[in-house]
């Protein structure tokens, strides 16, 4: 049951339209009980910030994941690297 609830939370957070509605307000995330804030949920939050190109907020989530011992996974680094690449491409195309 616990993993089902975590999966539901993650799917809800992964939905980009949901992130747009919240304007990346983390109130929803902060109200999730601590025992349900699994790696999957942090991935969803990190991925949402990356899709919105919010580098600083994505970095904050990554730091929190490091503090919790969650960040040593290829997926979390891949999300950030992709974000940095997109931002570099966007910056270069402006000039």
Protein backbone atom coordinates (compact mmCIF):
# COMPACT_ATOMS: atom_id res chain seq x y z
CA UNK A 1 0.00 0.00 0.00
CA UNK A 2 2.86 2.37 0.89
CA UNK A 3 4.49 2.00 -2.54
CA UNK A 4 1.13 2.50 -4.25
CA UNK A 5 0.60 5.80 -2.42
CA UNK A 6 4.15 6.94 -3.27
CA UNK A 7 3.56 6.04 -6.92
CA UNK A 8 0.33 8.04 -6.94
CA UNK A 9 2.08 11.06 -5.42
CA UNK A 10 4.90 10.77 -7.93
CA UNK A 11 2.51 10.50 -10.89
CA UNK A 12 0.59 13.55 -9.71
CA UNK A 13 3.79 15.56 -9.34
CA UNK A 14 5.09 14.37 -12.70
CA UNK A 15 2.07 15.73 -14.53
CA UNK A 16 3.40 18.97 -16.03
CA UNK A 17 -0.02 20.60 -16.10
CA UNK A 18 -0.21 20.08 -12.36
CA UNK A 19 3.13 21.87 -11.94
CA UNK A 20 1.90 24.74 -14.10
CA UNK A 21 -1.23 25.07 -11.98
CA UNK A 22 0.89 25.27 -8.85
CA UNK A 23 3.43 27.64 -10.41
CA UNK A 24 5.99 25.36 -8.84
CA UNK A 25 4.74 26.19 -5.39
CA UNK A 26 6.11 23.43 -3.21
CA UNK A 27 3.24 23.51 -0.72
CA UNK A 28 1.94 20.20 -2.08
CA UNK A 29 5.36 18.62 -1.71
CA UNK A 30 5.84 20.04 1.79
CA UNK A 31 2.50 18.59 2.90
CA UNK A 32 3.46 15.06 1.88
CA UNK A 33 4.22 13.03 5.01
CA UNK A 34 7.95 12.47 5.51
CA UNK A 35 7.67 8.68 5.25
CA UNK A 36 6.10 9.07 1.78
CA UNK A 37 8.83 11.35 0.40
CA UNK A 38 10.66 8.60 -1.42
CA UNK A 39 13.30 8.81 -4.12
CA UNK A 40 10.54 8.52 -6.72
CA UNK A 41 8.78 11.61 -5.33
CA UNK A 42 12.02 13.62 -5.28
CA UNK A 43 12.66 12.58 -8.89
CA UNK A 44 9.25 13.96 -9.85
CA UNK A 45 9.97 17.27 -8.12
CA UNK A 46 13.44 17.54 -9.67
CA UNK A 47 12.10 16.65 -13.10
CA UNK A 48 9.31 19.23 -12.82
CA UNK A 49 11.75 22.01 -12.00
CA UNK A 50 14.02 20.88 -14.84
CA UNK A 51 11.16 20.96 -17.37
CA UNK A 52 10.30 24.48 -16.24
CA UNK A 53 14.01 25.40 -16.56
CA UNK A 54 14.19 26.52 -12.93
CA UNK A 55 17.88 25.86 -12.39
CA UNK A 56 18.15 27.21 -8.85
CA UNK A 57 15.12 25.29 -7.58
CA UNK A 58 16.34 22.10 -9.27
CA UNK A 59 19.72 22.63 -7.59
CA UNK A 60 18.01 23.06 -4.22
CA UNK A 61 16.14 19.79 -4.68
CA UNK A 62 19.36 18.04 -5.70
CA UNK A 63 21.07 19.35 -2.56
CA UNK A 64 18.20 18.06 -0.41
CA UNK A 65 18.50 14.70 -2.16
CA UNK A 66 22.24 14.69 -1.38
CA UNK A 67 21.50 15.46 2.26
CA UNK A 68 19.11 12.51 2.36
CA UNK A 69 21.52 10.21 0.50
CA UNK A 70 19.20 9.99 -2.54
CA UNK A 71 21.24 11.78 -5.19
CA UNK A 72 23.85 9.19 -6.04
CA UNK A 73 21.85 7.84 -8.93
CA UNK A 74 22.37 8.25 -12.66
CA UNK A 75 18.82 9.54 -13.17
CA UNK A 76 19.17 12.53 -10.84
CA UNK A 77 22.45 13.58 -12.47
CA UNK A 78 21.00 13.01 -15.94
CA UNK A 79 18.06 15.29 -15.16
CA UNK A 80 20.41 18.07 -14.03
CA UNK A 81 22.84 17.61 -16.91
CA UNK A 82 19.98 17.79 -19.38
CA UNK A 83 18.73 20.98 -17.71
CA UNK A 84 22.18 22.57 -17.85
CA UNK A 85 22.55 21.57 -21.50
CA UNK A 86 19.16 23.07 -22.36
CA UNK A 87 20.01 26.29 -20.56
CA UNK A 88 23.39 26.53 -22.33
CA UNK A 89 21.72 25.92 -25.69
CA UNK A 90 19.07 28.51 -24.89
CA UNK A 91 21.69 31.05 -23.78
CA UNK A 92 23.82 30.49 -26.89
CA UNK A 93 20.85 30.84 -29.22
CA UNK A 94 20.05 34.28 -27.81
CA UNK A 95 23.31 35.78 -29.08
